[in-house]
Amino acid sequence: MTETEFENVVDTMLEKIAESIDSMEMDIDCELASGILTLTYEDDSKMVINRQTPMREIWVAARSGGFHYRLDDGLWKETRSSYTLSQRLNELVGQQLRRAVSLDLGA
């Protein structure tokens, strides 16, 4: 996958994440710019989801730590566990909001 193709794939995923959060009308402000999606919660804490083009990964920085994902058979899979990006984001956003969430990311 070329660098441009990778960036397009990641940008599409970041847009899906932002749209899913917006559609659920949660108290989260989403700001997407230059391959970086910043989620700002009501208590002003943040989660950052961004592309790491040289590594061909998506990185997530959250209160509970940092997580790295690589595209594998159409799914963004965590490099150190069996979690997908979708599964981990549901967990992390849910922890932050103190309630269960189910983001619709299509993967």
PDB file of N, CA and C in Angstrom:
ATOM      1  N   MET A   1       0.857  -1.168   0.000  1.00  0.00           N
ATOM      2  CA  MET A   1       0.000   0.000   0.000  1.00  0.00           C
ATOM      3  C   MET A   1       0.905   1.234   0.000  1.00  0.00           C
ATOM      4  N   THR A   2       0.609   2.154  -0.887  1.00  0.00           N
ATOM      5  CA  THR A   2       1.406   3.374  -0.948  1.00  0.00           C
ATOM      6  C   THR A   2       1.071   4.283   0.231  1.00  0.00           C
ATOM      7  N   GLU A   3       1.908   5.265   0.442  1.00  0.00           N
ATOM      8  CA  GLU A   3       1.677   6.221   1.526  1.00  0.00           C
ATOM      9  C   GLU A   3       0.342   6.940   1.332  1.00  0.00           C
ATOM     10  N   THR A   4       0.056   7.361   0.127  1.00  0.00           N
ATOM     11  CA  THR A   4      -1.200   8.064  -0.151  1.00  0.00           C
ATOM     12  C   THR A   4      -2.399   7.154   0.086  1.00  0.00           C
ATOM     13  N   GLU A   5      -2.324   5.910  -0.362  1.00  0.00           N
ATOM     14  CA  GLU A   5      -3.414   4.958  -0.132  1.00  0.00           C
ATOM     15  C   GLU A   5      -3.627   4.744   1.367  1.00  0.00           C
ATOM     16  N   PHE A   6      -2.532   4.577   2.105  1.00  0.00           N
ATOM     17  CA  PHE A   6      -2.627   4.390   3.553  1.00  0.00           C
ATOM     18  C   PHE A   6      -3.313   5.590   4.210  1.00  0.00           C
ATOM     19  N   GLU A   7      -2.865   6.785   3.869  1.00  0.00           N
ATOM     20  CA  GLU A   7      -3.452   7.984   4.472  1.00  0.00           C
ATOM     21  C   GLU A   7      -4.931   8.099   4.145  1.00  0.00           C
ATOM     22  N   ASN A   8      -5.335   7.727   2.934  1.00  0.00           N
ATOM     23  CA  ASN A   8      -6.756   7.758   2.577  1.00  0.00           C
ATOM     24  C   ASN A   8      -7.563   6.759   3.386  1.00  0.00           C
ATOM     25  N   VAL A   9      -7.030   5.555   3.578  1.00  0.00           N
ATOM     26  CA  VAL A   9      -7.708   4.530   4.377  1.00  0.00           C
ATOM     27  C   VAL A   9      -7.862   5.003   5.827  1.00  0.00           C
ATOM     28  N   VAL A  10      -6.796   5.561   6.386  1.00  0.00           N
ATOM     29  CA  VAL A  10      -6.855   6.033   7.776  1.00  0.00           C
ATOM     30  C   VAL A  10      -7.813   7.209   7.903  1.00  0.00           C
ATOM     31  N   ASP A  11      -7.733   8.147   6.978  1.00  0.00           N
ATOM     32  CA  ASP A  11      -8.636   9.302   7.044  1.00  0.00           C
ATOM     33  C   ASP A  11     -10.092   8.865   7.000  1.00  0.00           C
ATOM     34  N   THR A  12     -10.398   7.853   6.191  1.00  0.00           N
ATOM     35  CA  THR A  12     -11.759   7.324   6.139  1.00  0.00           C
ATOM     36  C   THR A  12     -12.165   6.747   7.489  1.00  0.00           C
ATOM     37  N   MET A  13     -11.267   6.008   8.140  1.00  0.00           N
ATOM     38  CA  MET A  13     -11.578   5.435   9.457  1.00  0.00           C
ATOM     39  C   MET A  13     -11.758   6.541  10.502  1.00  0.00           C
ATOM     40  N   LEU A  14     -10.897   7.537  10.491  1.00  0.00           N
ATOM     41  CA  LEU A  14     -11.027   8.633  11.457  1.00  0.00           C
ATOM     42  C   LEU A  14     -12.353   9.369  11.271  1.00  0.00           C
ATOM     43  N   GLU A  15     -12.764   9.554  10.021  1.00  0.00           N
ATOM     44  CA  GLU A  15     -14.058  10.188   9.747  1.00  0.00           C
ATOM     45  C   GLU A  15     -15.203   9.319  10.261  1.00  0.00           C
ATOM     46  N   LYS A  16     -15.107   7.997  10.087  1.00  0.00           N
ATOM     47  CA  LYS A  16     -16.140   7.082  10.603  1.00  0.00           C
ATOM     48  C   LYS A  16     -16.246   7.174  12.119  1.00  0.00           C
ATOM     49  N   ILE A  17     -15.104   7.238  12.785  1.00  0.00           N
ATOM     50  CA  ILE A  17     -15.107   7.353  14.249  1.00  0.00           C
ATOM     51  C   ILE A  17     -15.802   8.640  14.663  1.00  0.00           C
ATOM     52  N   ALA A  18     -15.417   9.756  14.052  1.00  0.00           N
ATOM     53  CA  ALA A  18     -16.015  11.054  14.397  1.00  0.00           C
ATOM     54  C   ALA A  18     -17.516  11.059  14.111  1.00  0.00           C
ATOM     55  N   GLU A  19     -17.923  10.530  12.966  1.00  0.00           N
ATOM     56  CA  GLU A  19     -19.345  10.481  12.613  1.00  0.00           C
ATOM     57  C   GLU A  19     -20.130   9.600  13.575  1.00  0.00           C
ATOM     58  N   SER A  20     -19.553   8.484  13.975  1.00  0.00           N
ATOM     59  CA  SER A  20     -20.229   7.584  14.898  1.00  0.00           C
ATOM     60  C   SER A  20     -20.441   8.256  16.257  1.00  0.00           C
ATOM     61  N   ILE A  21     -19.418   8.932  16.731  1.00  0.00           N
ATOM     62  CA  ILE A  21     -19.533   9.640  18.014  1.00  0.00           C
ATOM     63  C   ILE A  21     -20.558  10.760  17.902  1.00  0.00           C
ATOM     64  N   ASP A  22     -20.512  11.522  16.826  1.00  0.00           N
ATOM     65  CA  ASP A  22     -21.478  12.609  16.637  1.00  0.00           C
ATOM     66  C   ASP A  22     -22.908  12.090  16.554  1.00  0.00           C
ATOM     67  N   SER A  23     -23.108  10.958  15.895  1.00  0.00           N
ATOM     68  CA  SER A  23     -24.461  10.416  15.729  1.00  0.00           C
ATOM     69  C   SER A  23     -25.054   9.918  17.044  1.00  0.00           C
ATOM     70  N   MET A  24     -24.201   9.577  18.003  1.00  0.00           N
ATOM     71  CA  MET A  24     -24.689   9.078  19.288  1.00  0.00           C
ATOM     72  C   MET A  24     -24.988  10.207  20.263  1.00  0.00           C
ATOM     73  N   GLU A  25     -24.727  11.428  19.845  1.00  0.00           N
ATOM     74  CA  GLU A  25     -24.998  12.613  20.662  1.00  0.00           C
ATOM     75  C   GLU A  25     -24.426  12.489  22.069  1.00  0.00           C
ATOM     76  N   MET A  26     -23.157  12.091  22.131  1.00  0.00           N
ATOM     77  CA  MET A  26     -22.462  11.995  23.406  1.00  0.00           C
ATOM     78  C   MET A  26     -21.791  13.337  23.703  1.00  0.00           C
ATOM     79  N   ASP A  27     -21.457  13.561  24.951  1.00  0.00           N
ATOM     80  CA  ASP A  27     -20.792  14.799  25.349  1.00  0.00           C
ATOM     81  C   ASP A  27     -19.302  14.726  25.040  1.00  0.00           C
ATOM     82  N   ILE A  28     -19.009  14.597  23.739  1.00  0.00           N
ATOM     83  CA  ILE A  28     -17.632  14.519  23.276  1.00  0.00           C
ATOM     84  C   ILE A  28     -17.496  15.459  22.086  1.00  0.00           C
ATOM     85  N   ASP A  29     -16.493  16.314  22.129  1.00  0.00           N
ATOM     86  CA  ASP A  29     -16.199  17.195  21.007  1.00  0.00           C
ATOM     87  C   ASP A  29     -15.149  16.509  20.143  1.00  0.00           C
ATOM     88  N   CYS A  30     -15.427  16.365  18.852  1.00  0.00           N
ATOM     89  CA  CYS A  30     -14.503  15.719  17.916  1.00  0.00           C
ATOM     90  C   CYS A  30     -13.879  16.776  17.019  1.00  0.00           C
ATOM     91  N   GLU A  31     -12.556  16.746  16.921  1.00  0.00           N
ATOM     92  CA  GLU A  31     -11.856  17.647  16.013  1.00  0.00           C
ATOM     93  C   GLU A  31     -10.900  16.819  15.167  1.00  0.00           C
ATOM     94  N   LEU A  32     -11.111  16.842  13.859  1.00  0.00           N
ATOM     95  CA  LEU A  32     -10.292  16.079  12.924  1.00  0.00           C
ATOM     96  C   LEU A  32      -9.516  17.042  12.042  1.00  0.00           C
ATOM     97  N   ALA A  33      -8.189  16.917  12.082  1.00  0.00           N
ATOM     98  CA  ALA A  33      -7.335  17.775  11.259  1.00  0.00           C
ATOM     99  C   ALA A  33      -6.020  17.064  10.975  1.00  0.00           C
ATOM    100  N   SER A  34      -5.649  17.006   9.721  1.00  0.00           N
ATOM    101  CA  SER A  34      -4.348  16.476   9.290  1.00  0.00           C
ATOM    102  C   SER A  34      -4.038  15.085   9.842  1.00  0.00           C
ATOM    103  N   GLY A  35      -5.024  14.206   9.809  1.00  0.00           N
ATOM    104  CA  GLY A  35      -4.793  12.835  10.247  1.00  0.00           C
ATOM    105  C   GLY A  35      -4.770  12.639  11.743  1.00  0.00           C
ATOM    106  N   ILE A  36      -5.279  13.625  12.483  1.00  0.00           N
ATOM    107  CA  ILE A  36      -5.339  13.536  13.945  1.00  0.00           C
ATOM    108  C   ILE A  36      -6.775  13.821  14.384  1.00  0.00           C
ATOM    109  N   LEU A  37      -7.372  12.856  15.078  1.00  0.00           N
ATOM    110  CA  LEU A  37      -8.711  13.030  15.639  1.00  0.00           C
ATOM    111  C   LEU A  37      -8.557  13.200  17.141  1.00  0.00           C
ATOM    112  N   THR A  38      -8.981  14.351  17.632  1.00  0.00           N
ATOM    113  CA  THR A  38      -8.921  14.625  19.061  1.00  0.00           C
ATOM    114  C   THR A  38     -10.333  14.600  19.624  1.00  0.00           C
ATOM    115  N   LEU A  39     -10.529  13.750  20.627  1.00  0.00           N
ATOM    116  CA  LEU A  39     -11.806  13.677  21.328  1.00  0.00           C
ATOM    117  C   LEU A  39     -11.639  14.395  22.656  1.00  0.00           C
ATOM    118  N   THR A  40     -12.455  15.404  22.884  1.00  0.00           N
ATOM    119  CA  THR A  40     -12.409  16.147  24.143  1.00  0.00           C
ATOM    120  C   THR A  40     -13.707  15.877  24.891  1.00  0.00           C
ATOM    121  N   TYR A  41     -13.552  15.358  26.096  1.00  0.00           N
ATOM    122  CA  TYR A  41     -14.702  14.992  26.915  1.00  0.00           C
ATOM    123  C   TYR A  41     -15.157  16.170  27.763  1.00  0.00           C
ATOM    124  N   GLU A  42     -16.328  16.006  28.364  1.00  0.00           N
ATOM    125  CA  GLU A  42     -16.947  17.065  29.160  1.00  0.00           C
ATOM    126  C   GLU A  42     -16.029  17.561  30.283  1.00  0.00           C
ATOM    127  N   ASP A  43     -15.189  16.663  30.833  1.00  0.00           N
ATOM    128  CA  ASP A  43     -14.284  17.054  31.917  1.00  0.00           C
ATOM    129  C   ASP A  43     -12.951  17.607  31.391  1.00  0.00           C
ATOM    130  N   ASP A  44     -12.895  17.921  30.086  1.00  0.00           N
ATOM    131  CA  ASP A  44     -11.714  18.457  29.388  1.00  0.00           C
ATOM    132  C   ASP A  44     -10.583  17.452  29.209  1.00  0.00           C
ATOM    133  N   SER A  45     -10.794  16.181  29.537  1.00  0.00           N
ATOM    134  CA  SER A  45      -9.782  15.170  29.231  1.00  0.00           C
ATOM    135  C   SER A  45      -9.856  14.870  27.740  1.00  0.00           C
ATOM    136  N   LYS A  46      -8.788  14.306  27.219  1.00  0.00           N
ATOM    137  CA  LYS A  46      -8.702  14.084  25.784  1.00  0.00           C
ATOM    138  C   LYS A  46      -8.270  12.661  25.453  1.00  0.00           C
ATOM    139  N   MET A  47      -8.658  12.234  24.265  1.00  0.00           N
ATOM    140  CA  MET A  47      -8.159  11.011  23.646  1.00  0.00           C
ATOM    141  C   MET A  47      -7.722  11.420  22.243  1.00  0.00           C
ATOM    142  N   VAL A  48      -6.561  10.947  21.828  1.00  0.00           N
ATOM    143  CA  VAL A  48      -6.045  11.303  20.517  1.00  0.00           C
ATOM    144  C   VAL A  48      -5.882  10.039  19.688  1.00  0.00           C
ATOM    145  N   ILE A  49      -6.432  10.076  18.484  1.00  0.00           N
ATOM    146  CA  ILE A  49      -6.334   8.962  17.544  1.00  0.00           C
ATOM    147  C   ILE A  49      -5.678   9.527  16.297  1.00  0.00           C
ATOM    148  N   ASN A  50      -4.538   8.972  15.914  1.00  0.00           N
ATOM    149  CA  ASN A  50      -3.845   9.548  14.769  1.00  0.00           C
ATOM    150  C   ASN A  50      -3.138   8.495  13.929  1.00  0.00           C
ATOM    151  N   ARG A  51      -2.838   8.898  12.712  1.00  0.00           N
ATOM    152  CA  ARG A  51      -2.131   7.999  11.812  1.00  0.00           C
ATOM    153  C   ARG A  51      -0.635   8.154  12.002  1.00  0.00           C
ATOM    154  N   GLN A  52       0.038   7.039  11.890  1.00  0.00           N
ATOM    155  CA  GLN A  52       1.498   6.996  11.920  1.00  0.00           C
ATOM    156  C   GLN A  52       1.933   6.402  10.583  1.00  0.00           C
ATOM    157  N   THR A  53       2.061   7.276   9.610  1.00  0.00           N
ATOM    158  CA  THR A  53       2.311   6.839   8.234  1.00  0.00           C
ATOM    159  C   THR A  53       3.582   6.002   8.091  1.00  0.00           C
ATOM    160  N   PRO A  54       4.716   6.406   8.657  1.00  0.00           N
ATOM    161  CA  PRO A  54       5.927   5.586   8.463  1.00  0.00           C
ATOM    162  C   PRO A  54       5.773   4.152   8.979  1.00  0.00           C
ATOM    163  N   MET A  55       4.992   3.971  10.040  1.00  0.00           N
ATOM    164  CA  MET A  55       4.778   2.650  10.633  1.00  0.00           C
ATOM    165  C   MET A  55       3.575   1.933  10.025  1.00  0.00           C
ATOM    166  N   ARG A  56       2.779   2.661   9.222  1.00  0.00           N
ATOM    167  CA  ARG A  56       1.528   2.140   8.654  1.00  0.00           C
ATOM    168  C   ARG A  56       0.599   1.675   9.772  1.00  0.00           C
ATOM    169  N   GLU A  57       0.454   2.532  10.786  1.00  0.00           N
ATOM    170  CA  GLU A  57      -0.371   2.216  11.952  1.00  0.00           C
ATOM    171  C   GLU A  57      -1.285   3.375  12.313  1.00  0.00           C
ATOM    172  N   ILE A  58      -2.307   3.066  13.097  1.00  0.00           N
ATOM    173  CA  ILE A  58      -3.129   4.051  13.796  1.00  0.00           C
ATOM    174  C   ILE A  58      -2.747   3.943  15.259  1.00  0.00           C
ATOM    175  N   TRP A  59      -2.514   5.080  15.898  1.00  0.00           N
ATOM    176  CA  TRP A  59      -2.175   5.100  17.316  1.00  0.00           C
ATOM    177  C   TRP A  59      -3.289   5.787  18.095  1.00  0.00           C
ATOM    178  N   VAL A  60      -3.579   5.240  19.270  1.00  0.00           N
ATOM    179  CA  VAL A  60      -4.579   5.807  20.173  1.00  0.00           C
ATOM    180  C   VAL A  60      -3.897   6.125  21.496  1.00  0.00           C
ATOM    181  N   ALA A  61      -4.033   7.351  21.939  1.00  0.00           N
ATOM    182  CA  ALA A  61      -3.528   7.760  23.250  1.00  0.00           C
ATOM    183  C   ALA A  61      -4.741   8.073  24.125  1.00  0.00           C
ATOM    184  N   ALA A  62      -4.876   7.322  25.217  1.00  0.00           N
ATOM    185  CA  ALA A  62      -6.013   7.465  26.124  1.00  0.00           C
ATOM    186  C   ALA A  62      -5.511   7.494  27.560  1.00  0.00           C
ATOM    187  N   ARG A  63      -6.421   7.763  28.485  1.00  0.00           N
ATOM    188  CA  ARG A  63      -6.058   7.778  29.903  1.00  0.00           C
ATOM    189  C   ARG A  63      -5.363   6.497  30.337  1.00  0.00           C
ATOM    190  N   SER A  64      -5.849   5.373  29.820  1.00  0.00           N
ATOM    191  CA  SER A  64      -5.337   4.078  30.268  1.00  0.00           C
ATOM    192  C   SER A  64      -4.091   3.619  29.508  1.00  0.00           C
ATOM    193  N   GLY A  65      -3.631   4.403  28.555  1.00  0.00           N
ATOM    194  CA  GLY A  65      -2.403   4.040  27.864  1.00  0.00           C
ATOM    195  C   GLY A  65      -2.435   4.313  26.378  1.00  0.00           C
ATOM    196  N   GLY A  66      -1.417   3.789  25.698  1.00  0.00           N
ATOM    197  CA  GLY A  66      -1.299   3.956  24.261  1.00  0.00           C
ATOM    198  C   GLY A  66      -1.486   2.620  23.566  1.00  0.00           C
ATOM    199  N   PHE A  67      -2.111   2.654  22.399  1.00  0.00           N
ATOM    200  CA  PHE A  67      -2.439   1.449  21.658  1.00  0.00           C
ATOM    201  C   PHE A  67      -2.105   1.665  20.191  1.00  0.00           C
ATOM    202  N   HIS A  68      -1.553   0.633  19.547  1.00  0.00           N
ATOM    203  CA  HIS A  68      -1.146   0.711  18.148  1.00  0.00           C
ATOM    204  C   HIS A  68      -1.911  -0.326  17.344  1.00  0.00           C
ATOM    205  N   TYR A  69      -2.317   0.044  16.116  1.00  0.00           N
ATOM    206  CA  TYR A  69      -3.133  -0.824  15.263  1.00  0.00           C
ATOM    207  C   TYR A  69      -2.562  -0.877  13.860  1.00  0.00           C
ATOM    208  N   ARG A  70      -2.586  -2.092  13.284  1.00  0.00           N
ATOM    209  CA  ARG A  70      -2.190  -2.301  11.891  1.00  0.00           C
ATOM    210  C   ARG A  70      -3.353  -2.931  11.140  1.00  0.00           C
ATOM    211  N   LEU A  71      -3.477  -2.568   9.884  1.00  0.00           N
ATOM    212  CA  LEU A  71      -4.520  -3.140   9.041  1.00  0.00           C
ATOM    213  C   LEU A  71      -4.156  -4.578   8.683  1.00  0.00           C
ATOM    214  N   ASP A  72      -5.083  -5.508   8.996  1.00  0.00           N
ATOM    215  CA  ASP A  72      -4.848  -6.929   8.760  1.00  0.00           C
ATOM    216  C   ASP A  72      -6.157  -7.558   8.292  1.00  0.00           C
ATOM    217  N   ASP A  73      -6.192  -8.012   7.059  1.00  0.00           N
ATOM    218  CA  ASP A  73      -7.406  -8.608   6.489  1.00  0.00           C
ATOM    219  C   ASP A  73      -8.626  -7.704   6.640  1.00  0.00           C
ATOM    220  N   GLY A  74      -8.437  -6.422   6.413  1.00  0.00           N
ATOM    221  CA  GLY A  74      -9.545  -5.471   6.451  1.00  0.00           C
ATOM    222  C   GLY A  74      -9.916  -4.966   7.825  1.00  0.00           C
ATOM    223  N   LEU A  75      -9.226  -5.417   8.883  1.00  0.00           N
ATOM    224  CA  LEU A  75      -9.506  -4.967  10.243  1.00  0.00           C
ATOM    225  C   LEU A  75      -8.274  -4.300  10.832  1.00  0.00           C
ATOM    226  N   TRP A  76      -8.500  -3.251  11.598  1.00  0.00           N
ATOM    227  CA  TRP A  76      -7.411  -2.624  12.334  1.00  0.00           C
ATOM    228  C   TRP A  76      -7.227  -3.416  13.625  1.00  0.00           C
ATOM    229  N   LYS A  77      -6.113  -4.153  13.710  1.00  0.00           N
ATOM    230  CA  LYS A  77      -5.864  -5.023  14.858  1.00  0.00           C
ATOM    231  C   LYS A  77      -4.723  -4.482  15.706  1.00  0.00           C
ATOM    232  N   GLU A  78      -4.934  -4.567  17.017  1.00  0.00           N
ATOM    233  CA  GLU A  78      -3.931  -4.108  17.968  1.00  0.00           C
ATOM    234  C   GLU A  78      -2.658  -4.939  17.814  1.00  0.00           C
ATOM    235  N   THR A  79      -1.521  -4.286  17.900  1.00  0.00           N
ATOM    236  CA  THR A  79      -0.248  -4.986  17.684  1.00  0.00           C
ATOM    237  C   THR A  79       0.164  -5.856  18.856  1.00  0.00           C
ATOM    238  N   ARG A  80      -0.428  -5.663  20.037  1.00  0.00           N
ATOM    239  CA  ARG A  80      -0.024  -6.428  21.227  1.00  0.00           C
ATOM    240  C   ARG A  80      -1.133  -7.291  21.813  1.00  0.00           C
ATOM    241  N   SER A  81      -2.275  -7.351  21.150  1.00  0.00           N
ATOM    242  CA  SER A  81      -3.378  -8.174  21.642  1.00  0.00           C
ATOM    243  C   SER A  81      -4.273  -8.548  20.469  1.00  0.00           C
ATOM    244  N   SER A  82      -5.378  -9.182  20.758  1.00  0.00           N
ATOM    245  CA  SER A  82      -6.315  -9.572  19.700  1.00  0.00           C
ATOM    246  C   SER A  82      -7.434  -8.548  19.504  1.00  0.00           C
ATOM    247  N   TYR A  83      -7.397  -7.431  20.235  1.00  0.00           N
ATOM    248  CA  TYR A  83      -8.434  -6.411  20.110  1.00  0.00           C
ATOM    249  C   TYR A  83      -8.386  -5.738  18.748  1.00  0.00           C
ATOM    250  N   THR A  84      -9.573  -5.413  18.238  1.00  0.00           N
ATOM    251  CA  THR A  84      -9.652  -4.559  17.061  1.00  0.00           C
ATOM    252  C   THR A  84      -9.778  -3.109  17.527  1.00  0.00           C
ATOM    253  N   LEU A  85      -9.553  -2.200  16.625  1.00  0.00           N
ATOM    254  CA  LEU A  85      -9.701  -0.784  16.944  1.00  0.00           C
ATOM    255  C   LEU A  85     -11.110  -0.481  17.438  1.00  0.00           C
ATOM    256  N   SER A  86     -12.087  -1.056  16.775  1.00  0.00           N
ATOM    257  CA  SER A  86     -13.480  -0.843  17.160  1.00  0.00           C
ATOM    258  C   SER A  86     -13.747  -1.332  18.586  1.00  0.00           C
ATOM    259  N   GLN A  87     -13.290  -2.530  18.907  1.00  0.00           N
ATOM    260  CA  GLN A  87     -13.497  -3.072  20.256  1.00  0.00           C
ATOM    261  C   GLN A  87     -12.836  -2.176  21.308  1.00  0.00           C
ATOM    262  N   ARG A  88     -11.598  -1.792  21.059  1.00  0.00           N
ATOM    263  CA  ARG A  88     -10.867  -0.996  22.047  1.00  0.00           C
ATOM    264  C   ARG A  88     -11.489   0.385  22.205  1.00  0.00           C
ATOM    265  N   LEU A  89     -11.914   1.009  21.104  1.00  0.00           N
ATOM    266  CA  LEU A  89     -12.533   2.335  21.230  1.00  0.00           C
ATOM    267  C   LEU A  89     -13.835   2.264  22.007  1.00  0.00           C
ATOM    268  N   ASN A  90     -14.627   1.214  21.792  1.00  0.00           N
ATOM    269  CA  ASN A  90     -15.849   1.054  22.590  1.00  0.00           C
ATOM    270  C   ASN A  90     -15.507   0.974  24.076  1.00  0.00           C
ATOM    271  N   GLU A  91     -14.465   0.234  24.392  1.00  0.00           N
ATOM    272  CA  GLU A  91     -14.028   0.100  25.784  1.00  0.00           C
ATOM    273  C   GLU A  91     -13.523   1.437  26.334  1.00  0.00           C
ATOM    274  N   LEU A  92     -12.643   2.093  25.601  1.00  0.00           N
ATOM    275  CA  LEU A  92     -12.026   3.330  26.096  1.00  0.00           C
ATOM    276  C   LEU A  92     -13.022   4.481  26.217  1.00  0.00           C
ATOM    277  N   VAL A  93     -13.860   4.642  25.204  1.00  0.00           N
ATOM    278  CA  VAL A  93     -14.871   5.712  25.256  1.00  0.00           C
ATOM    279  C   VAL A  93     -15.866   5.411  26.366  1.00  0.00           C
ATOM    280  N   GLY A  94     -16.253   4.145  26.503  1.00  0.00           N
ATOM    281  CA  GLY A  94     -17.164   3.749  27.574  1.00  0.00           C
ATOM    282  C   GLY A  94     -16.595   4.009  28.957  1.00  0.00           C
ATOM    283  N   GLN A  95     -15.304   3.700  29.141  1.00  0.00           N
ATOM    284  CA  GLN A  95     -14.661   3.982  30.429  1.00  0.00           C
ATOM    285  C   GLN A  95     -14.688   5.473  30.729  1.00  0.00           C
ATOM    286  N   GLN A  96     -14.385   6.267  29.731  1.00  0.00           N
ATOM    287  CA  GLN A  96     -14.338   7.715  29.914  1.00  0.00           C
ATOM    288  C   GLN A  96     -15.713   8.285  30.264  1.00  0.00           C
ATOM    289  N   LEU A  97     -16.754   7.757  29.618  1.00  0.00           N
ATOM    290  CA  LEU A  97     -18.118   8.245  29.849  1.00  0.00           C
ATOM    291  C   LEU A  97     -18.812   7.549  31.013  1.00  0.00           C
ATOM    292  N   ARG A  98     -18.186   6.467  31.504  1.00  0.00           N
ATOM    293  CA  ARG A  98     -18.753   5.663  32.591  1.00  0.00           C
ATOM    294  C   ARG A  98     -20.097   5.037  32.216  1.00  0.00           C
ATOM    295  N   ARG A  99     -20.144   4.578  30.957  1.00  0.00           N
ATOM    296  CA  ARG A  99     -21.322   3.851  30.474  1.00  0.00           C
ATOM    297  C   ARG A  99     -20.936   3.089  29.213  1.00  0.00           C
ATOM    298  N   ALA A 100     -21.692   2.063  28.912  1.00  0.00           N
ATOM    299  CA  ALA A 100     -21.400   1.262  27.721  1.00  0.00           C
ATOM    300  C   ALA A 100     -21.729   2.047  26.455  1.00  0.00           C
ATOM    301  N   VAL A 101     -20.872   1.911  25.470  1.00  0.00           N
ATOM    302  CA  VAL A 101     -21.122   2.528  24.167  1.00  0.00           C
ATOM    303  C   VAL A 101     -20.849   1.492  23.078  1.00  0.00           C
ATOM    304  N   SER A 102     -21.456   1.737  21.925  1.00  0.00           N
ATOM    305  CA  SER A 102     -21.234   0.855  20.784  1.00  0.00           C
ATOM    306  C   SER A 102     -21.107   1.731  19.538  1.00  0.00           C
ATOM    307  N   LEU A 103     -19.872   2.053  19.217  1.00  0.00           N
ATOM    308  CA  LEU A 103     -19.616   2.872  18.042  1.00  0.00           C
ATOM    309  C   LEU A 103     -19.800   2.031  16.790  1.00  0.00           C
ATOM    310  N   ASP A 104     -20.445   2.592  15.783  1.00  0.00           N
ATOM    311  CA  ASP A 104     -20.680   1.891  14.523  1.00  0.00           C
ATOM    312  C   ASP A 104     -19.577   2.265  13.551  1.00  0.00           C
ATOM    313  N   LEU A 105     -18.519   1.430  13.499  1.00  0.00           N
ATOM    314  CA  LEU A 105     -17.383   1.718  12.629  1.00  0.00           C
ATOM    315  C   LEU A 105     -17.361   0.833  11.402  1.00  0.00           C
ATOM    316  N   GLY A 106     -18.307  -0.057  11.292  1.00  0.00           N
ATOM    317  CA  GLY A 106     -18.379  -0.923  10.128  1.00  0.00           C
ATOM    318  C   GLY A 106     -17.285  -1.967  10.060  1.00  0.00           C
ATOM    319  N   ALA A 107     -16.494  -2.115  11.111  1.00  0.00           N
ATOM    320  CA  ALA A 107     -15.444  -3.143  11.104  1.00  0.00           C
ATOM    321  C   ALA A 107     -15.075  -3.503  12.521  1.00  0.00           C
TER     322      ALA A 107
END
